[in-house]
């Protein structure tokens, strides 16, 4: 009986974690794209929002 309760609690916690992960990834995708991006500490600014490549920012 204890394993049944433990499995039930684990399932509920896993379900909430999955819902949080899906919601968080949707927020990141919605707010992401364009702007300044960082890759291994180098800061880049996307000059073309529709393109897939970014150029280093000109100072």
Protein backbone atom coordinates (compact mmCIF):
# COMPACT_ATOMS: atom_id res chain seq x y z
CA UNK A 1 0.00 0.00 0.00
CA UNK A 2 2.87 2.37 0.74
CA UNK A 3 4.30 1.89 -2.76
CA UNK A 4 0.91 2.74 -4.26
CA UNK A 5 0.79 6.04 -2.32
CA UNK A 6 4.40 6.81 -3.24
CA UNK A 7 3.74 6.09 -6.93
CA UNK A 8 0.61 8.26 -6.87
CA UNK A 9 2.48 11.19 -5.32
CA UNK A 10 5.37 10.78 -7.76
CA UNK A 11 2.91 10.79 -10.68
CA UNK A 12 1.27 13.99 -9.45
CA UNK A 13 4.62 15.73 -8.95
CA UNK A 14 5.80 14.59 -12.39
CA UNK A 15 2.59 15.86 -13.98
CA UNK A 16 3.02 19.32 -12.40
CA UNK A 17 6.68 19.40 -13.47
CA UNK A 18 5.70 18.55 -17.05
CA UNK A 19 3.03 21.26 -17.11
CA UNK A 20 5.53 23.78 -15.75
CA UNK A 21 8.16 22.76 -18.33
CA UNK A 22 5.73 23.06 -21.25
CA UNK A 23 4.45 26.43 -20.05
CA UNK A 24 7.95 27.75 -19.44
CA UNK A 25 9.18 26.64 -22.86
CA UNK A 26 6.16 28.30 -24.51
CA UNK A 27 6.97 31.58 -22.72
CA UNK A 28 10.63 31.40 -23.76
CA UNK A 29 9.75 30.73 -27.40
CA UNK A 30 7.14 33.51 -27.42
CA UNK A 31 9.48 36.12 -25.90
CA UNK A 32 12.64 34.88 -27.63
CA UNK A 33 14.03 35.64 -31.05
CA UNK A 34 15.79 38.80 -32.13
CA UNK A 35 17.64 41.10 -29.79
CA UNK A 36 20.92 40.28 -28.11
CA UNK A 37 21.95 36.65 -27.93
CA UNK A 38 24.80 35.12 -25.99
CA UNK A 39 26.89 32.16 -27.11
CA UNK A 40 29.82 31.12 -24.90
CA UNK A 41 30.09 34.61 -23.40
CA UNK A 42 30.13 36.47 -26.74
CA UNK A 43 27.30 38.95 -27.18
CA UNK A 44 25.70 39.17 -30.61
CA UNK A 45 22.90 41.32 -31.97
CA UNK A 46 20.71 39.96 -34.72
CA UNK A 47 20.69 42.45 -37.58
CA UNK A 48 18.10 40.52 -39.53
CA UNK A 49 15.15 39.30 -37.47
CA UNK A 50 13.91 36.83 -40.09
CA UNK A 51 17.33 35.30 -40.72
CA UNK A 52 18.89 32.39 -38.91
CA UNK A 53 22.34 33.98 -38.50
CA UNK A 54 23.50 36.82 -36.26
CA UNK A 55 26.45 39.17 -36.70
CA UNK A 56 28.66 40.55 -33.91
CA UNK A 57 27.40 43.87 -32.60
CA UNK A 58 29.19 46.95 -33.96
CA UNK A 59 30.28 49.45 -31.33
